[in-house]
């Protein structure tokens, strides 16, 4: 049996899908439901579903980042989108990230059944594949790294942790760390330190600022190859 997870902030839609779709005809069972992206991502890590039906325009959520996180961390999992958001470029990006179907609400029952059939067919076909990383999985990985770095650029001045950034990207710490090393060629700490050093360089352009403390000087030299005073002398 294929495990299915349903994610939508509209409870009536979740219950409607659970009750109306003849899941057993497709060798499927609903393993759980969630009403937002964060709890949906947690549920997915708990039950490891084969199939996900999800909205990607839930209040306060970054749907494309959630989608990229799902496709990157669980590349064999099949995802179909059910949404009322009718932006064509948004749909294009979702398809590039590897969704099986992009369905607009209100969706017809036949459309949902067709999506379910397509996903189970892909799952059956994938059991005989070589297990290599797919193109859309790579696309999702690149997208997620860009989103993670953008988040770090916004929050680098705070006491930022890998857990916080991974949580914002709907993936595990371990997976985000792997993606940063694979696609950015740097660790989380290296990227964060570089962002902070770049800001420090901008501040050092102001001669009225004092260069201190020792820890900053050590970190600055490690990342730039010169002391803060040497850098300032080259401005």
C-alpha atoms as a PDB file:
ATOM      1  CA  UNK A   1       0.000   0.000   0.000  1.00  0.00           C
ATOM      2  CA  UNK A   2       1.183   3.510  -0.831  1.00  0.00           C
ATOM      3  CA  UNK A   3       1.016   5.963   2.073  1.00  0.00           C
ATOM      4  CA  UNK A   4      -0.620   9.335   1.337  1.00  0.00           C
ATOM      5  CA  UNK A   5      -0.402  12.652   3.195  1.00  0.00           C
ATOM      6  CA  UNK A   6      -2.895  15.499   2.630  1.00  0.00           C
ATOM      7  CA  UNK A   7      -1.882  19.107   3.429  1.00  0.00           C
ATOM      8  CA  UNK A   8      -4.329  22.014   3.207  1.00  0.00           C
ATOM      9  CA  UNK A   9      -5.384  24.801   5.552  1.00  0.00           C
ATOM     10  CA  UNK A  10      -9.011  24.260   4.480  1.00  0.00           C
ATOM     11  CA  UNK A  11     -10.163  21.395   6.676  1.00  0.00           C
ATOM     12  CA  UNK A  12     -13.207  20.683   4.502  1.00  0.00           C
ATOM     13  CA  UNK A  13     -10.960  19.999   1.512  1.00  0.00           C
ATOM     14  CA  UNK A  14      -8.794  17.601   3.488  1.00  0.00           C
ATOM     15  CA  UNK A  15     -11.805  15.698   4.793  1.00  0.00           C
ATOM     16  CA  UNK A  16     -13.404  15.709   1.350  1.00  0.00           C
ATOM     17  CA  UNK A  17     -10.308  14.151  -0.215  1.00  0.00           C
ATOM     18  CA  UNK A  18     -10.051  11.597   2.551  1.00  0.00           C
ATOM     19  CA  UNK A  19     -13.668  10.475   2.153  1.00  0.00           C
ATOM     20  CA  UNK A  20     -14.381  10.815  -1.570  1.00  0.00           C
ATOM     21  CA  UNK A  21     -11.276   9.330  -3.217  1.00  0.00           C
ATOM     22  CA  UNK A  22     -11.436   5.512  -3.501  1.00  0.00           C
ATOM     23  CA  UNK A  23      -7.903   5.169  -2.158  1.00  0.00           C
ATOM     24  CA  UNK A  24      -7.851   1.378  -1.990  1.00  0.00           C
ATOM     25  CA  UNK A  25      -8.539   1.123  -5.726  1.00  0.00           C
ATOM     26  CA  UNK A  26      -5.117   2.726  -6.221  1.00  0.00           C
ATOM     27  CA  UNK A  27      -3.454   0.645  -3.493  1.00  0.00           C
ATOM     28  CA  UNK A  28      -3.263   3.750  -1.289  1.00  0.00           C
ATOM     29  CA  UNK A  29      -4.154   4.714   2.257  1.00  0.00           C
ATOM     30  CA  UNK A  30      -4.228   8.142   3.933  1.00  0.00           C
ATOM     31  CA  UNK A  31      -1.460   8.032   6.540  1.00  0.00           C
ATOM     32  CA  UNK A  32      -2.095  11.522   7.932  1.00  0.00           C
ATOM     33  CA  UNK A  33      -3.238  15.076   7.307  1.00  0.00           C
ATOM     34  CA  UNK A  34      -1.894  18.532   8.173  1.00  0.00           C
ATOM     35  CA  UNK A  35      -3.207  22.097   7.988  1.00  0.00           C
ATOM     36  CA  UNK A  36       0.044  24.017   7.329  1.00  0.00           C
ATOM     37  CA  UNK A  37       3.435  23.558   5.726  1.00  0.00           C
ATOM     38  CA  UNK A  38       5.442  23.248   8.944  1.00  0.00           C
ATOM     39  CA  UNK A  39       3.287  20.515  10.481  1.00  0.00           C
ATOM     40  CA  UNK A  40       3.025  18.898   7.051  1.00  0.00           C
ATOM     41  CA  UNK A  41       6.806  18.684   6.740  1.00  0.00           C
ATOM     42  CA  UNK A  42       7.023  17.198  10.245  1.00  0.00           C
ATOM     43  CA  UNK A  43       4.336  14.641   9.396  1.00  0.00           C
ATOM     44  CA  UNK A  44       6.137  13.662   6.201  1.00  0.00           C
ATOM     45  CA  UNK A  45       9.348  12.973   8.140  1.00  0.00           C
ATOM     46  CA  UNK A  46       7.334  10.879  10.579  1.00  0.00           C
ATOM     47  CA  UNK A  47       5.338   8.663   8.207  1.00  0.00           C
ATOM     48  CA  UNK A  48       7.495   8.797   5.033  1.00  0.00           C
ATOM     49  CA  UNK A  49       4.601   8.895   2.555  1.00  0.00           C
ATOM     50  CA  UNK A  50       4.865   7.854  -1.055  1.00  0.00           C
ATOM     51  CA  UNK A  51       2.330  10.476  -2.199  1.00  0.00           C
ATOM     52  CA  UNK A  52       1.449  14.014  -1.095  1.00  0.00           C
ATOM     53  CA  UNK A  53      -1.460  16.220  -2.120  1.00  0.00           C
ATOM     54  CA  UNK A  54      -0.807  19.751  -0.929  1.00  0.00           C
ATOM     55  CA  UNK A  55      -1.836  23.356  -1.283  1.00  0.00           C
ATOM     56  CA  UNK A  56       1.118  25.748  -1.674  1.00  0.00           C
ATOM     57  CA  UNK A  57      -0.626  29.032  -0.900  1.00  0.00           C
ATOM     58  CA  UNK A  58      -1.424  28.679   2.791  1.00  0.00           C
ATOM     59  CA  UNK A  59      -1.406  31.766   5.082  1.00  0.00           C
ATOM     60  CA  UNK A  60       2.065  32.714   6.278  1.00  0.00           C
ATOM     61  CA  UNK A  61       3.746  29.937   4.301  1.00  0.00           C
ATOM     62  CA  UNK A  62       6.274  29.971   1.461  1.00  0.00           C
ATOM     63  CA  UNK A  63       4.728  27.296  -0.709  1.00  0.00           C
ATOM     64  CA  UNK A  64       7.448  26.990  -3.340  1.00  0.00           C
ATOM     65  CA  UNK A  65      10.157  26.670  -0.698  1.00  0.00           C
ATOM     66  CA  UNK A  66       8.101  23.988   1.027  1.00  0.00           C
ATOM     67  CA  UNK A  67       7.697  22.209  -2.303  1.00  0.00           C
ATOM     68  CA  UNK A  68      11.420  22.444  -3.069  1.00  0.00           C
ATOM     69  CA  UNK A  69      12.176  21.080   0.382  1.00  0.00           C
ATOM     70  CA  UNK A  70       9.887  18.089  -0.111  1.00  0.00           C
ATOM     71  CA  UNK A  71      11.221  17.278  -3.580  1.00  0.00           C
ATOM     72  CA  UNK A  72      14.836  17.681  -2.505  1.00  0.00           C
ATOM     73  CA  UNK A  73      14.730  15.756   0.762  1.00  0.00           C
ATOM     74  CA  UNK A  74      12.398  13.024  -0.530  1.00  0.00           C
ATOM     75  CA  UNK A  75      13.131  12.741  -4.282  1.00  0.00           C
ATOM     76  CA  UNK A  76      11.130   9.533  -4.765  1.00  0.00           C
ATOM     77  CA  UNK A  77       7.990  10.994  -3.173  1.00  0.00           C
ATOM     78  CA  UNK A  78       5.279  12.012  -5.633  1.00  0.00           C
ATOM     79  CA  UNK A  79       3.630  15.410  -5.103  1.00  0.00           C
ATOM     80  CA  UNK A  80       0.540  16.958  -6.657  1.00  0.00           C
ATOM     81  CA  UNK A  81      -0.577  20.505  -5.928  1.00  0.00           C
ATOM     82  CA  UNK A  82      -4.167  21.571  -5.257  1.00  0.00           C
ATOM     83  CA  UNK A  83      -4.432  25.339  -5.129  1.00  0.00           C
ATOM     84  CA  UNK A  84      -6.675  28.291  -5.841  1.00  0.00           C
ATOM     85  CA  UNK A  85      -3.681  30.418  -6.838  1.00  0.00           C
ATOM     86  CA  UNK A  86      -3.853  31.029 -10.580  1.00  0.00           C
ATOM     87  CA  UNK A  87      -0.481  32.625 -11.313  1.00  0.00           C
ATOM     88  CA  UNK A  88       1.048  30.952 -14.389  1.00  0.00           C
ATOM     89  CA  UNK A  89       4.685  31.652 -13.448  1.00  0.00           C
ATOM     90  CA  UNK A  90       4.066  30.134 -10.014  1.00  0.00           C
ATOM     91  CA  UNK A  91       2.692  26.991 -11.652  1.00  0.00           C
ATOM     92  CA  UNK A  92       5.685  26.843 -13.996  1.00  0.00           C
ATOM     93  CA  UNK A  93       8.115  26.992 -11.075  1.00  0.00           C
ATOM     94  CA  UNK A  94       6.215  24.266  -9.237  1.00  0.00           C
ATOM     95  CA  UNK A  95       6.402  22.036 -12.308  1.00  0.00           C
ATOM     96  CA  UNK A  96      10.156  22.702 -12.665  1.00  0.00           C
ATOM     97  CA  UNK A  97      10.536  21.597  -9.057  1.00  0.00           C
ATOM     98  CA  UNK A  98       9.013  18.254  -9.959  1.00  0.00           C
ATOM     99  CA  UNK A  99       5.315  18.169  -9.083  1.00  0.00           C
ATOM    100  CA  UNK A 100       3.355  15.503 -10.914  1.00  0.00           C
ATOM    101  CA  UNK A 101       0.209  17.589 -11.364  1.00  0.00           C
ATOM    102  CA  UNK A 102      -0.736  21.232 -10.688  1.00  0.00           C
ATOM    103  CA  UNK A 103      -4.514  21.323 -10.149  1.00  0.00           C
ATOM    104  CA  UNK A 104      -6.598  24.436  -9.645  1.00  0.00           C
ATOM    105  CA  UNK A 105      -9.382  24.522  -7.075  1.00  0.00           C
ATOM    106  CA  UNK A 106     -12.144  23.610  -7.302  1.00  0.00           C
ATOM    107  CA  UNK A 107     -10.729  20.449  -8.863  1.00  0.00           C
ATOM    108  CA  UNK A 108     -12.914  17.818 -10.451  1.00  0.00           C
ATOM    109  CA  UNK A 109     -12.875  14.323  -9.002  1.00  0.00           C
ATOM    110  CA  UNK A 110     -11.679  12.893 -12.322  1.00  0.00           C
ATOM    111  CA  UNK A 111      -8.688  15.284 -12.299  1.00  0.00           C
ATOM    112  CA  UNK A 112      -7.671  14.182  -8.820  1.00  0.00           C
ATOM    113  CA  UNK A 113      -8.055  10.520  -9.735  1.00  0.00           C
ATOM    114  CA  UNK A 114      -5.926  11.038 -12.838  1.00  0.00           C
ATOM    115  CA  UNK A 115      -3.236  12.720 -10.732  1.00  0.00           C
ATOM    116  CA  UNK A 116      -3.327   9.848  -8.265  1.00  0.00           C
ATOM    117  CA  UNK A 117      -3.070   7.321 -11.081  1.00  0.00           C
ATOM    118  CA  UNK A 118      -0.093   9.189 -12.579  1.00  0.00           C
ATOM    119  CA  UNK A 119       1.692   9.256  -9.221  1.00  0.00           C
ATOM    120  CA  UNK A 120       1.191   5.553  -8.526  1.00  0.00           C
ATOM    121  CA  UNK A 121       2.405   4.764 -12.058  1.00  0.00           C
ATOM    122  CA  UNK A 122       5.565   6.783 -11.418  1.00  0.00           C
ATOM    123  CA  UNK A 123       6.114   5.019  -8.101  1.00  0.00           C
ATOM    124  CA  UNK A 124       5.799   1.651  -9.794  1.00  0.00           C
ATOM    125  CA  UNK A 125       8.239   2.694 -12.522  1.00  0.00           C
ATOM    126  CA  UNK A 126      10.754   4.100 -10.022  1.00  0.00           C
ATOM    127  CA  UNK A 127      11.146   0.669  -8.356  1.00  0.00           C
ATOM    128  CA  UNK A 128      13.152  -0.395 -11.414  1.00  0.00           C
ATOM    129  CA  UNK A 129      15.204   2.801 -11.778  1.00  0.00           C
ATOM    130  CA  UNK A 130      18.897   3.181 -10.957  1.00  0.00           C
ATOM    131  CA  UNK A 131      18.174   5.470  -7.999  1.00  0.00           C
ATOM    132  CA  UNK A 132      20.234   8.393  -9.355  1.00  0.00           C
ATOM    133  CA  UNK A 133      19.387  11.990  -8.602  1.00  0.00           C
ATOM    134  CA  UNK A 134      16.778  13.304 -11.032  1.00  0.00           C
ATOM    135  CA  UNK A 135      16.921  16.628 -12.820  1.00  0.00           C
ATOM    136  CA  UNK A 136      13.961  18.066 -10.920  1.00  0.00           C
ATOM    137  CA  UNK A 137      15.502  16.948  -7.629  1.00  0.00           C
ATOM    138  CA  UNK A 138      18.643  18.890  -8.533  1.00  0.00           C
ATOM    139  CA  UNK A 139      16.491  21.871  -9.503  1.00  0.00           C
ATOM    140  CA  UNK A 140      14.779  21.674  -6.125  1.00  0.00           C
ATOM    141  CA  UNK A 141      18.148  21.491  -4.368  1.00  0.00           C
ATOM    142  CA  UNK A 142      19.450  24.595  -6.143  1.00  0.00           C
ATOM    143  CA  UNK A 143      16.205  26.458  -5.413  1.00  0.00           C
ATOM    144  CA  UNK A 144      16.358  25.530  -1.731  1.00  0.00           C
ATOM    145  CA  UNK A 145      19.981  26.663  -1.374  1.00  0.00           C
ATOM    146  CA  UNK A 146      19.101  30.024  -2.912  1.00  0.00           C
ATOM    147  CA  UNK A 147      16.223  30.411  -0.461  1.00  0.00           C
ATOM    148  CA  UNK A 148      18.404  29.371   2.491  1.00  0.00           C
ATOM    149  CA  UNK A 149      21.117  31.888   1.605  1.00  0.00           C
ATOM    150  CA  UNK A 150      18.501  34.602   1.073  1.00  0.00           C
ATOM    151  CA  UNK A 151      17.155  33.871   4.561  1.00  0.00           C
ATOM    152  CA  UNK A 152      20.664  34.033   5.992  1.00  0.00           C
ATOM    153  CA  UNK A 153      21.255  37.371   4.256  1.00  0.00           C
ATOM    154  CA  UNK A 154      18.179  38.750   6.010  1.00  0.00           C
ATOM    155  CA  UNK A 155      19.052  37.388   9.466  1.00  0.00           C
ATOM    156  CA  UNK A 156      22.871  37.129   9.605  1.00  0.00           C
ATOM    157  CA  UNK A 157      23.071  39.833  12.304  1.00  0.00           C
ATOM    158  CA  UNK A 158      21.006  37.661  14.658  1.00  0.00           C
ATOM    159  CA  UNK A 159      22.063  34.577  16.626  1.00  0.00           C
ATOM    160  CA  UNK A 160      21.313  32.377  13.638  1.00  0.00           C
ATOM    161  CA  UNK A 161      21.456  28.576  13.728  1.00  0.00           C
ATOM    162  CA  UNK A 162      21.360  25.866  11.086  1.00  0.00           C
ATOM    163  CA  UNK A 163      18.180  24.556  12.712  1.00  0.00           C
ATOM    164  CA  UNK A 164      16.407  27.901  12.247  1.00  0.00           C
ATOM    165  CA  UNK A 165      17.340  28.170   8.565  1.00  0.00           C
ATOM    166  CA  UNK A 166      16.415  24.537   7.897  1.00  0.00           C
ATOM    167  CA  UNK A 167      13.085  25.065   9.646  1.00  0.00           C
ATOM    168  CA  UNK A 168      12.397  28.095   7.432  1.00  0.00           C
ATOM    169  CA  UNK A 169      13.117  25.898   4.402  1.00  0.00           C
ATOM    170  CA  UNK A 170      10.961  22.960   5.611  1.00  0.00           C
ATOM    171  CA  UNK A 171      13.853  20.478   5.633  1.00  0.00           C
ATOM    172  CA  UNK A 172      16.002  18.768   8.243  1.00  0.00           C
ATOM    173  CA  UNK A 173      19.274  20.265   9.455  1.00  0.00           C
ATOM    174  CA  UNK A 174      21.164  17.304   8.042  1.00  0.00           C
ATOM    175  CA  UNK A 175      19.626  17.704   4.599  1.00  0.00           C
ATOM    176  CA  UNK A 176      20.185  21.456   4.404  1.00  0.00           C
ATOM    177  CA  UNK A 177      23.802  21.022   5.488  1.00  0.00           C
ATOM    178  CA  UNK A 178      24.292  18.466   2.708  1.00  0.00           C
ATOM    179  CA  UNK A 179      22.693  20.771   0.115  1.00  0.00           C
ATOM    180  CA  UNK A 180      24.807  23.776   1.090  1.00  0.00           C
ATOM    181  CA  UNK A 181      27.982  21.749   0.720  1.00  0.00           C
ATOM    182  CA  UNK A 182      26.842  20.201  -2.570  1.00  0.00           C
ATOM    183  CA  UNK A 183      25.467  23.251  -4.374  1.00  0.00           C
ATOM    184  CA  UNK A 184      27.161  26.207  -2.658  1.00  0.00           C
ATOM    185  CA  UNK A 185      30.458  24.445  -1.951  1.00  0.00           C
ATOM    186  CA  UNK A 186      30.501  25.802   1.614  1.00  0.00           C
ATOM    187  CA  UNK A 187      29.293  24.827   5.063  1.00  0.00           C
ATOM    188  CA  UNK A 188      26.568  26.731   6.891  1.00  0.00           C
ATOM    189  CA  UNK A 189      29.112  28.366   9.195  1.00  0.00           C
ATOM    190  CA  UNK A 190      31.357  29.371   6.290  1.00  0.00           C
ATOM    191  CA  UNK A 191      28.448  31.060   4.485  1.00  0.00           C
ATOM    192  CA  UNK A 192      27.275  32.808   7.652  1.00  0.00           C
ATOM    193  CA  UNK A 193      30.765  34.045   8.498  1.00  0.00           C
ATOM    194  CA  UNK A 194      31.266  35.296   4.951  1.00  0.00           C
ATOM    195  CA  UNK A 195      28.041  37.288   5.124  1.00  0.00           C
ATOM    196  CA  UNK A 196      29.091  38.819   8.430  1.00  0.00           C
ATOM    197  CA  UNK A 197      32.579  39.614   7.169  1.00  0.00           C
ATOM    198  CA  UNK A 198      31.174  41.295   4.066  1.00  0.00           C
ATOM    199  CA  UNK A 199      29.072  43.507   6.295  1.00  0.00           C
ATOM    200  CA  UNK A 200      32.119  44.215   8.443  1.00  0.00           C
ATOM    201  CA  UNK A 201      34.029  45.274   5.331  1.00  0.00           C
ATOM    202  CA  UNK A 202      31.307  47.782   4.561  1.00  0.00           C
ATOM    203  CA  UNK A 203      31.450  49.116   8.104  1.00  0.00           C
ATOM    204  CA  UNK A 204      35.247  49.368   7.993  1.00  0.00           C
ATOM    205  CA  UNK A 205      34.918  51.833   5.163  1.00  0.00           C
ATOM    206  CA  UNK A 206      33.891  54.302   7.887  1.00  0.00           C
ATOM    207  CA  UNK A 207      37.209  55.490   9.477  1.00  0.00           C
ATOM    208  CA  UNK A 208      35.414  56.653  12.628  1.00  0.00           C
ATOM    209  CA  UNK A 209      34.708  53.061  13.694  1.00  0.00           C
ATOM    210  CA  UNK A 210      37.145  51.337  16.057  1.00  0.00           C
ATOM    211  CA  UNK A 211      38.457  47.863  15.189  1.00  0.00           C
ATOM    212  CA  UNK A 212      37.779  45.523  18.108  1.00  0.00           C
ATOM    213  CA  UNK A 213      37.551  42.931  19.677  1.00  0.00           C
ATOM    214  CA  UNK A 214      40.221  40.258  19.205  1.00  0.00           C
ATOM    215  CA  UNK A 215      37.735  37.586  18.139  1.00  0.00           C
ATOM    216  CA  UNK A 216      36.473  39.782  15.310  1.00  0.00           C
ATOM    217  CA  UNK A 217      40.027  40.467  14.167  1.00  0.00           C
ATOM    218  CA  UNK A 218      40.833  36.744  14.136  1.00  0.00           C
ATOM    219  CA  UNK A 219      37.680  35.846  12.235  1.00  0.00           C
ATOM    220  CA  UNK A 220      38.167  38.700   9.767  1.00  0.00           C
ATOM    221  CA  UNK A 221      41.713  37.611   8.936  1.00  0.00           C
ATOM    222  CA  UNK A 222      40.646  33.989   8.544  1.00  0.00           C
ATOM    223  CA  UNK A 223      38.030  34.946   5.962  1.00  0.00           C
ATOM    224  CA  UNK A 224      39.895  37.696   4.087  1.00  0.00           C
ATOM    225  CA  UNK A 225      43.571  36.785   4.442  1.00  0.00           C
ATOM    226  CA  UNK A 226      44.419  40.162   5.997  1.00  0.00           C
ATOM    227  CA  UNK A 227      43.828  42.020   9.220  1.00  0.00           C
ATOM    228  CA  UNK A 228      41.018  44.557   9.526  1.00  0.00           C
ATOM    229  CA  UNK A 229      43.604  47.370   9.697  1.00  0.00           C
ATOM    230  CA  UNK A 230      45.326  46.067   6.565  1.00  0.00           C
ATOM    231  CA  UNK A 231      42.000  45.903   4.768  1.00  0.00           C
ATOM    232  CA  UNK A 232      41.124  49.435   5.829  1.00  0.00           C
ATOM    233  CA  UNK A 233      44.479  50.712   4.551  1.00  0.00           C
ATOM    234  CA  UNK A 234      43.579  49.449   1.077  1.00  0.00           C
ATOM    235  CA  UNK A 235      40.292  51.349   0.943  1.00  0.00           C
END
